[in-house]
Amino acid sequence: MVEGVTIEVAMAADITAVHRLEEAAFPQPWRREFFEGELHASGRYNVVAKRAGRVIGYLFAMWFFDEMHVNKIAVEEPERRKGIADALMDGCVRFAREHDIKSISLEVRRSNHGAQGFYEQLQFVPSYIRPRYYPDGEAAVVMTKALG
């Protein structure tokens, strides 16, 4: 755990901050309604990282049977490289293991070598390329972590 940071279940009151962070972090951000819908959907693991009660990061994931998929993860720029993304991912992996989930997958922009390196350090392996995945036409690297 990161000192002074709590990881909590995402609530409706967090969505404005989550969406603001999303818009700052991604070239094609999710719409606010997508996050709101995820709060009420079944088979979801949605958490926020907070410092002094303020949202500084989030992770939204879904699972079906024994597979989990990380839809979104972001940390506010000044809070990056402080272990917050690690804490969010650790919580996700712990949740997956507790629920007998066998694998976690996610997509990363092919050009985002920093993110790919981060996930490789967490034992995610590049599985395949999804061509033209993003709205701007960039391919995604699908990365998977086996939890066997």
N, C-alpha and C. Protein backbone atom coordinates (compact mmCIF):
# COMPACT_ATOMS: atom_id res chain seq x y z
N MET A 1 0.84 -1.19 0.00
CA MET A 1 0.00 0.00 0.00
C MET A 1 0.89 1.26 0.00
N VAL A 2 0.40 2.30 -0.61
CA VAL A 2 1.13 3.56 -0.69
C VAL A 2 0.69 4.44 0.48
N GLU A 3 1.65 4.97 1.19
CA GLU A 3 1.33 5.79 2.37
C GLU A 3 0.44 6.97 2.00
N GLY A 4 -0.64 7.13 2.76
CA GLY A 4 -1.57 8.24 2.56
C GLY A 4 -2.59 8.01 1.46
N VAL A 5 -2.55 6.83 0.83
CA VAL A 5 -3.47 6.52 -0.27
C VAL A 5 -4.38 5.37 0.15
N THR A 6 -5.67 5.53 -0.12
CA THR A 6 -6.62 4.45 0.13
C THR A 6 -7.19 3.98 -1.21
N ILE A 7 -7.51 2.70 -1.27
CA ILE A 7 -8.18 2.14 -2.45
C ILE A 7 -9.59 1.79 -2.00
N GLU A 8 -10.58 2.35 -2.68
CA GLU A 8 -11.98 2.18 -2.29
C GLU A 8 -12.82 1.78 -3.49
N VAL A 9 -13.95 1.16 -3.23
CA VAL A 9 -14.91 0.85 -4.30
C VAL A 9 -15.38 2.18 -4.90
N ALA A 10 -15.39 2.25 -6.22
CA ALA A 10 -15.84 3.47 -6.90
C ALA A 10 -17.34 3.69 -6.67
N MET A 11 -17.69 4.92 -6.38
CA MET A 11 -19.08 5.29 -6.11
C MET A 11 -19.50 6.39 -7.11
N ALA A 12 -20.79 6.62 -7.19
CA ALA A 12 -21.31 7.66 -8.09
C ALA A 12 -20.66 9.02 -7.82
N ALA A 13 -20.40 9.32 -6.56
CA ALA A 13 -19.80 10.60 -6.19
C ALA A 13 -18.37 10.76 -6.72
N ASP A 14 -17.74 9.66 -7.13
CA ASP A 14 -16.37 9.71 -7.64
C ASP A 14 -16.29 9.94 -9.15
N ILE A 15 -17.40 9.78 -9.85
CA ILE A 15 -17.36 9.74 -11.31
C ILE A 15 -16.90 11.05 -11.94
N THR A 16 -17.27 12.18 -11.39
CA THR A 16 -16.80 13.46 -11.96
C THR A 16 -15.27 13.51 -11.94
N ALA A 17 -14.67 13.15 -10.82
CA ALA A 17 -13.21 13.16 -10.70
C ALA A 17 -12.58 12.09 -11.60
N VAL A 18 -13.19 10.91 -11.66
CA VAL A 18 -12.68 9.84 -12.52
C VAL A 18 -12.70 10.30 -13.97
N HIS A 19 -13.79 10.91 -14.40
CA HIS A 19 -13.89 11.33 -15.79
C HIS A 19 -12.91 12.46 -16.11
N ARG A 20 -12.72 13.37 -15.18
CA ARG A 20 -11.75 14.45 -15.39
C ARG A 20 -10.35 13.85 -15.58
N LEU A 21 -10.00 12.88 -14.76
CA LEU A 21 -8.71 12.20 -14.88
C LEU A 21 -8.61 11.45 -16.21
N GLU A 22 -9.69 10.78 -16.59
CA GLU A 22 -9.76 10.05 -17.86
C GLU A 22 -9.47 10.99 -19.03
N GLU A 23 -10.09 12.15 -19.03
CA GLU A 23 -9.89 13.11 -20.12
C GLU A 23 -8.46 13.61 -20.19
N ALA A 24 -7.81 13.73 -19.04
CA ALA A 24 -6.42 14.18 -19.01
C ALA A 24 -5.45 13.07 -19.44
N ALA A 25 -5.84 11.82 -19.22
CA ALA A 25 -4.91 10.71 -19.43
C ALA A 25 -4.97 10.06 -20.81
N PHE A 26 -6.10 10.16 -21.51
CA PHE A 26 -6.27 9.39 -22.74
C PHE A 26 -6.67 10.28 -23.92
N PRO A 27 -6.09 10.01 -25.11
CA PRO A 27 -6.45 10.79 -26.29
C PRO A 27 -7.90 10.58 -26.74
N GLN A 28 -8.45 9.40 -26.53
CA GLN A 28 -9.86 9.13 -26.82
C GLN A 28 -10.52 8.62 -25.55
N PRO A 29 -10.87 9.53 -24.64
CA PRO A 29 -11.40 9.09 -23.34
C PRO A 29 -12.79 8.49 -23.43
N TRP A 30 -13.07 7.65 -22.45
CA TRP A 30 -14.44 7.13 -22.30
C TRP A 30 -15.35 8.30 -21.97
N ARG A 31 -16.60 8.20 -22.37
CA ARG A 31 -17.60 9.18 -21.97
C ARG A 31 -17.98 8.92 -20.51
N ARG A 32 -18.40 9.95 -19.85
CA ARG A 32 -18.80 9.87 -18.44
C ARG A 32 -19.86 8.78 -18.23
N GLU A 33 -20.81 8.68 -19.17
CA GLU A 33 -21.89 7.69 -19.04
C GLU A 33 -21.36 6.26 -19.00
N PHE A 34 -20.23 6.01 -19.65
CA PHE A 34 -19.66 4.66 -19.63
C PHE A 34 -19.26 4.30 -18.20
N PHE A 35 -18.61 5.23 -17.53
CA PHE A 35 -18.21 4.97 -16.13
C PHE A 35 -19.43 4.80 -15.25
N GLU A 36 -20.42 5.65 -15.44
CA GLU A 36 -21.66 5.54 -14.64
C GLU A 36 -22.31 4.18 -14.84
N GLY A 37 -22.36 3.71 -16.07
CA GLY A 37 -22.95 2.41 -16.37
C GLY A 37 -22.19 1.26 -15.73
N GLU A 38 -20.87 1.38 -15.68
CA GLU A 38 -20.05 0.33 -15.08
C GLU A 38 -20.32 0.17 -13.58
N LEU A 39 -20.72 1.25 -12.93
CA LEU A 39 -20.99 1.18 -11.49
C LEU A 39 -22.15 0.24 -11.17
N HIS A 40 -23.08 0.10 -12.10
CA HIS A 40 -24.29 -0.67 -11.84
C HIS A 40 -24.32 -2.02 -12.55
N ALA A 41 -23.28 -2.31 -13.31
CA ALA A 41 -23.25 -3.57 -14.05
C ALA A 41 -22.74 -4.70 -13.15
N SER A 42 -23.18 -5.91 -13.44
CA SER A 42 -22.70 -7.05 -12.66
C SER A 42 -21.34 -7.50 -13.19
N GLY A 43 -20.61 -8.26 -12.40
CA GLY A 43 -19.31 -8.76 -12.80
C GLY A 43 -18.29 -7.66 -12.99
N ARG A 44 -18.30 -6.68 -12.08
CA ARG A 44 -17.37 -5.56 -12.20
C ARG A 44 -16.50 -5.42 -10.95
N TYR A 45 -15.30 -4.93 -11.17
CA TYR A 45 -14.38 -4.56 -10.10
C TYR A 45 -13.95 -3.14 -10.42
N ASN A 46 -14.54 -2.16 -9.75
CA ASN A 46 -14.29 -0.74 -10.02
C ASN A 46 -13.81 -0.08 -8.74
N VAL A 47 -12.58 0.43 -8.76
CA VAL A 47 -12.03 1.05 -7.56
C VAL A 47 -11.37 2.38 -7.90
N VAL A 48 -11.24 3.21 -6.88
CA VAL A 48 -10.53 4.48 -7.00
C VAL A 48 -9.43 4.53 -5.94
N ALA A 49 -8.37 5.22 -6.28
CA ALA A 49 -7.31 5.52 -5.32
C ALA A 49 -7.52 6.95 -4.88
N LYS A 50 -7.48 7.17 -3.56
CA LYS A 50 -7.70 8.52 -3.03
C LYS A 50 -6.57 8.91 -2.09
N ARG A 51 -6.22 10.18 -2.16
CA ARG A 51 -5.29 10.79 -1.20
C ARG A 51 -6.04 11.97 -0.59
N ALA A 52 -6.16 11.95 0.72
CA ALA A 52 -6.89 13.00 1.45
C ALA A 52 -8.30 13.17 0.89
N GLY A 53 -8.93 12.04 0.53
CA GLY A 53 -10.31 12.08 0.06
C GLY A 53 -10.49 12.48 -1.39
N ARG A 54 -9.40 12.75 -2.10
CA ARG A 54 -9.46 13.19 -3.50
C ARG A 54 -9.04 12.05 -4.42
N VAL A 55 -9.82 11.81 -5.48
CA VAL A 55 -9.50 10.74 -6.44
C VAL A 55 -8.23 11.10 -7.20
N ILE A 56 -7.25 10.19 -7.14
CA ILE A 56 -5.99 10.40 -7.87
C ILE A 56 -5.70 9.26 -8.85
N GLY A 57 -6.58 8.26 -8.84
CA GLY A 57 -6.40 7.13 -9.76
C GLY A 57 -7.62 6.25 -9.74
N TYR A 58 -7.72 5.37 -10.72
CA TYR A 58 -8.85 4.46 -10.78
C TYR A 58 -8.49 3.23 -11.60
N LEU A 59 -9.25 2.19 -11.38
CA LEU A 59 -9.16 0.97 -12.17
C LEU A 59 -10.58 0.43 -12.32
N PHE A 60 -11.01 0.21 -13.55
CA PHE A 60 -12.32 -0.35 -13.84
C PHE A 60 -12.10 -1.65 -14.61
N ALA A 61 -12.62 -2.74 -14.09
CA ALA A 61 -12.43 -4.06 -14.72
C ALA A 61 -13.74 -4.83 -14.69
N MET A 62 -13.81 -5.85 -15.53
CA MET A 62 -14.98 -6.72 -15.58
C MET A 62 -14.52 -8.16 -15.60
N TRP A 63 -15.39 -9.06 -15.15
CA TRP A 63 -15.05 -10.46 -15.26
C TRP A 63 -16.27 -11.27 -15.65
N PHE A 64 -15.97 -12.39 -16.28
CA PHE A 64 -17.00 -13.31 -16.76
C PHE A 64 -16.42 -14.70 -16.56
N PHE A 65 -17.09 -15.51 -15.75
CA PHE A 65 -16.61 -16.84 -15.39
C PHE A 65 -15.20 -16.74 -14.82
N ASP A 66 -14.19 -17.26 -15.53
CA ASP A 66 -12.84 -17.27 -14.95
C ASP A 66 -11.87 -16.33 -15.67
N GLU A 67 -12.42 -15.35 -16.39
CA GLU A 67 -11.57 -14.38 -17.09
C GLU A 67 -11.91 -12.96 -16.63
N MET A 68 -10.88 -12.16 -16.46
CA MET A 68 -11.06 -10.76 -16.07
C MET A 68 -10.41 -9.88 -17.14
N HIS A 69 -10.99 -8.70 -17.34
CA HIS A 69 -10.44 -7.75 -18.31
C HIS A 69 -10.37 -6.37 -17.67
N VAL A 70 -9.20 -5.78 -17.68
CA VAL A 70 -9.03 -4.41 -17.18
C VAL A 70 -9.42 -3.47 -18.31
N ASN A 71 -10.53 -2.75 -18.10
CA ASN A 71 -11.02 -1.82 -19.11
C ASN A 71 -10.26 -0.50 -19.07
N LYS A 72 -10.04 0.00 -17.86
CA LYS A 72 -9.42 1.32 -17.70
C LYS A 72 -8.59 1.36 -16.43
N ILE A 73 -7.44 2.00 -16.52
CA ILE A 73 -6.63 2.30 -15.34
C ILE A 73 -5.89 3.60 -15.66
N ALA A 74 -5.87 4.50 -14.69
CA ALA A 74 -5.13 5.76 -14.86
C ALA A 74 -4.78 6.31 -13.49
N VAL A 75 -3.69 7.06 -13.46
CA VAL A 75 -3.25 7.76 -12.26
C VAL A 75 -2.95 9.19 -12.68
N GLU A 76 -3.37 10.12 -11.84
CA GLU A 76 -3.13 11.54 -12.09
C GLU A 76 -1.64 11.80 -12.29
N GLU A 77 -1.31 12.66 -13.24
CA GLU A 77 0.08 12.93 -13.63
C GLU A 77 1.03 13.17 -12.44
N PRO A 78 0.74 14.09 -11.51
CA PRO A 78 1.70 14.32 -10.42
C PRO A 78 1.85 13.14 -9.45
N GLU A 79 0.93 12.19 -9.51
CA GLU A 79 0.96 11.04 -8.60
C GLU A 79 1.57 9.80 -9.25
N ARG A 80 1.97 9.90 -10.50
CA ARG A 80 2.54 8.75 -11.20
C ARG A 80 3.93 8.39 -10.67
N ARG A 81 4.28 7.13 -10.82
CA ARG A 81 5.56 6.57 -10.41
C ARG A 81 5.77 6.63 -8.89
N LYS A 82 4.66 6.50 -8.18
CA LYS A 82 4.70 6.47 -6.71
C LYS A 82 4.11 5.15 -6.18
N GLY A 83 3.83 4.20 -7.07
CA GLY A 83 3.31 2.91 -6.65
C GLY A 83 1.80 2.80 -6.64
N ILE A 84 1.10 3.83 -7.10
CA ILE A 84 -0.37 3.82 -7.05
C ILE A 84 -0.93 2.85 -8.09
N ALA A 85 -0.42 2.87 -9.30
CA ALA A 85 -0.88 1.91 -10.32
C ALA A 85 -0.57 0.49 -9.87
N ASP A 86 0.59 0.29 -9.24
CA ASP A 86 0.93 -1.03 -8.71
C ASP A 86 -0.11 -1.47 -7.67
N ALA A 87 -0.48 -0.56 -6.78
CA ALA A 87 -1.47 -0.88 -5.74
C ALA A 87 -2.83 -1.19 -6.36
N LEU A 88 -3.23 -0.44 -7.38
CA LEU A 88 -4.50 -0.71 -8.05
C LEU A 88 -4.47 -2.09 -8.72
N MET A 89 -3.38 -2.40 -9.39
CA MET A 89 -3.26 -3.70 -10.06
C MET A 89 -3.14 -4.84 -9.04
N ASP A 90 -2.42 -4.63 -7.96
CA ASP A 90 -2.31 -5.65 -6.91
C ASP A 90 -3.68 -6.00 -6.35
N GLY A 91 -4.50 -4.98 -6.11
CA GLY A 91 -5.86 -5.21 -5.62
C GLY A 91 -6.69 -5.99 -6.62
N CYS A 92 -6.52 -5.68 -7.89
CA CYS A 92 -7.25 -6.37 -8.96
C CYS A 92 -6.84 -7.84 -9.01
N VAL A 93 -5.56 -8.12 -8.94
CA VAL A 93 -5.06 -9.50 -8.96
C VAL A 93 -5.54 -10.26 -7.72
N ARG A 94 -5.49 -9.62 -6.57
CA ARG A 94 -5.97 -10.25 -5.33
C ARG A 94 -7.45 -10.60 -5.45
N PHE A 95 -8.25 -9.66 -5.94
CA PHE A 95 -9.68 -9.90 -6.15
C PHE A 95 -9.88 -11.09 -7.11
N ALA A 96 -9.13 -11.09 -8.20
CA ALA A 96 -9.25 -12.17 -9.19
C ALA A 96 -8.95 -13.52 -8.56
N ARG A 97 -7.89 -13.60 -7.80
CA ARG A 97 -7.53 -14.88 -7.16
C ARG A 97 -8.61 -15.32 -6.17
N GLU A 98 -9.15 -14.37 -5.41
CA GLU A 98 -10.20 -14.69 -4.44
C GLU A 98 -11.47 -15.20 -5.13
N HIS A 99 -11.65 -14.86 -6.40
CA HIS A 99 -12.86 -15.26 -7.13
C HIS A 99 -12.56 -16.34 -8.19
N ASP A 100 -11.45 -17.05 -8.02
CA ASP A 100 -11.07 -18.15 -8.91
C ASP A 100 -10.97 -17.76 -10.37
N ILE A 101 -10.59 -16.53 -10.62
CA ILE A 101 -10.37 -16.06 -11.98
C ILE A 101 -8.99 -16.57 -12.42
N LYS A 102 -8.92 -17.10 -13.62
CA LYS A 102 -7.69 -17.76 -14.09
C LYS A 102 -6.77 -16.85 -14.90
N SER A 103 -7.32 -15.77 -15.48
CA SER A 103 -6.46 -14.88 -16.27
C SER A 103 -7.04 -13.47 -16.28
N ILE A 104 -6.13 -12.52 -16.46
CA ILE A 104 -6.50 -11.11 -16.59
C ILE A 104 -5.89 -10.61 -17.90
N SER A 105 -6.69 -9.89 -18.67
CA SER A 105 -6.18 -9.33 -19.92
C SER A 105 -6.46 -7.83 -19.98
N LEU A 106 -5.77 -7.18 -20.89
CA LEU A 106 -5.95 -5.74 -21.12
C LEU A 106 -5.35 -5.38 -22.46
N GLU A 107 -5.70 -4.21 -22.96
CA GLU A 107 -5.11 -3.70 -24.20
C GLU A 107 -4.26 -2.48 -23.89
N VAL A 108 -3.17 -2.36 -24.63
CA VAL A 108 -2.27 -1.21 -24.52
C VAL A 108 -1.97 -0.74 -25.93
N ARG A 109 -1.93 0.57 -26.11
CA ARG A 109 -1.54 1.09 -27.43
C ARG A 109 -0.18 0.52 -27.82
N ARG A 110 -0.08 0.18 -29.08
CA ARG A 110 1.18 -0.39 -29.57
C ARG A 110 2.35 0.58 -29.34
N SER A 111 2.07 1.87 -29.40
CA SER A 111 3.13 2.88 -29.23
C SER A 111 3.45 3.17 -27.76
N ASN A 112 2.67 2.64 -26.82
CA ASN A 112 2.86 2.96 -25.41
C ASN A 112 3.80 1.95 -24.75
N HIS A 113 5.08 2.12 -25.03
CA HIS A 113 6.09 1.19 -24.53
C HIS A 113 6.23 1.26 -23.01
N GLY A 114 6.01 2.44 -22.44
CA GLY A 114 6.08 2.59 -20.99
C GLY A 114 5.05 1.73 -20.28
N ALA A 115 3.81 1.78 -20.78
CA ALA A 115 2.74 0.97 -20.19
C ALA A 115 3.01 -0.51 -20.40
N GLN A 116 3.49 -0.87 -21.59
CA GLN A 116 3.79 -2.28 -21.84
C GLN A 116 4.87 -2.77 -20.86
N GLY A 117 5.88 -1.95 -20.62
CA GLY A 117 6.93 -2.32 -19.67
C GLY A 117 6.38 -2.46 -18.25
N PHE A 118 5.47 -1.57 -17.87
CA PHE A 118 4.83 -1.65 -16.55
C PHE A 118 4.10 -2.98 -16.39
N TYR A 119 3.31 -3.35 -17.40
CA TYR A 119 2.55 -4.60 -17.30
C TYR A 119 3.45 -5.82 -17.38
N GLU A 120 4.51 -5.76 -18.17
CA GLU A 120 5.46 -6.89 -18.22
C GLU A 120 6.10 -7.11 -16.86
N GLN A 121 6.39 -6.03 -16.14
CA GLN A 121 6.96 -6.13 -14.80
C GLN A 121 5.97 -6.81 -13.83
N LEU A 122 4.67 -6.74 -14.15
CA LEU A 122 3.63 -7.41 -13.35
C LEU A 122 3.31 -8.80 -13.90
N GLN A 123 4.17 -9.33 -14.76
CA GLN A 123 4.04 -10.65 -15.37
C GLN A 123 2.90 -10.77 -16.40
N PHE A 124 2.54 -9.66 -17.03
CA PHE A 124 1.63 -9.73 -18.17
C PHE A 124 2.49 -10.00 -19.39
N VAL A 125 1.99 -10.84 -20.30
CA VAL A 125 2.73 -11.18 -21.51
C VAL A 125 1.96 -10.70 -22.74
N PRO A 126 2.66 -10.12 -23.70
CA PRO A 126 1.98 -9.74 -24.94
C PRO A 126 1.43 -11.02 -25.60
N SER A 127 0.14 -11.04 -25.90
CA SER A 127 -0.47 -12.24 -26.47
C SER A 127 -0.67 -12.13 -27.97
N TYR A 128 -1.18 -10.99 -28.42
CA TYR A 128 -1.38 -10.77 -29.84
C TYR A 128 -1.67 -9.29 -30.08
N ILE A 129 -1.68 -8.92 -31.36
CA ILE A 129 -1.95 -7.54 -31.77
C ILE A 129 -3.38 -7.47 -32.28
N ARG A 130 -4.10 -6.47 -31.83
CA ARG A 130 -5.46 -6.21 -32.32
C ARG A 130 -5.36 -5.00 -33.25
N PRO A 131 -5.39 -5.22 -34.56
CA PRO A 131 -5.21 -4.11 -35.51
C PRO A 131 -6.33 -3.08 -35.43
N ARG A 132 -5.97 -1.82 -35.67
CA ARG A 132 -6.95 -0.72 -35.76
C ARG A 132 -7.93 -0.71 -34.58
N TYR A 133 -7.46 -1.02 -33.39
CA TYR A 133 -8.33 -1.13 -32.21
C TYR A 133 -8.83 0.23 -31.73
N TYR A 134 -7.96 1.22 -31.75
CA TYR A 134 -8.32 2.54 -31.22
C TYR A 134 -8.97 3.39 -32.31
N PRO A 135 -9.80 4.37 -31.92
CA PRO A 135 -10.51 5.20 -32.90
C PRO A 135 -9.60 5.89 -33.92
N ASP A 136 -8.36 6.17 -33.52
CA ASP A 136 -7.45 6.82 -34.46
C ASP A 136 -6.74 5.81 -35.36
N GLY A 137 -7.09 4.53 -35.25
CA GLY A 137 -6.53 3.51 -36.12
C GLY A 137 -5.33 2.78 -35.56
N GLU A 138 -4.81 3.21 -34.41
CA GLU A 138 -3.64 2.53 -33.84
C GLU A 138 -4.02 1.14 -33.35
N ALA A 139 -3.07 0.23 -33.47
CA ALA A 139 -3.26 -1.15 -33.01
C ALA A 139 -3.08 -1.21 -31.49
N ALA A 140 -3.65 -2.26 -30.91
CA ALA A 140 -3.49 -2.53 -29.48
C ALA A 140 -2.70 -3.82 -29.31
N VAL A 141 -1.86 -3.84 -28.30
CA VAL A 141 -1.20 -5.05 -27.87
C VAL A 141 -2.07 -5.63 -26.76
N VAL A 142 -2.57 -6.84 -26.95
CA VAL A 142 -3.34 -7.51 -25.91
C VAL A 142 -2.34 -8.24 -25.02
N MET A 143 -2.41 -7.93 -23.72
CA MET A 143 -1.49 -8.53 -22.76
C MET A 143 -2.31 -9.34 -21.76
N THR A 144 -1.76 -10.48 -21.36
CA THR A 144 -2.49 -11.39 -20.48
C THR A 144 -1.59 -11.87 -19.34
N LYS A 145 -2.20 -12.04 -18.19
CA LYS A 145 -1.50 -12.58 -17.02
C LYS A 145 -2.26 -13.82 -16.58
N ALA A 146 -1.58 -14.97 -16.57
CA ALA A 146 -2.18 -16.21 -16.08
C ALA A 146 -2.08 -16.24 -14.55
N LEU A 147 -3.14 -16.68 -13.90
CA LEU A 147 -3.15 -16.69 -12.44
C LEU A 147 -3.13 -18.10 -11.84
N GLY A 148 -2.96 -19.11 -12.69
CA GLY A 148 -2.98 -20.50 -12.27
C GLY A 148 -2.38 -20.76 -10.97
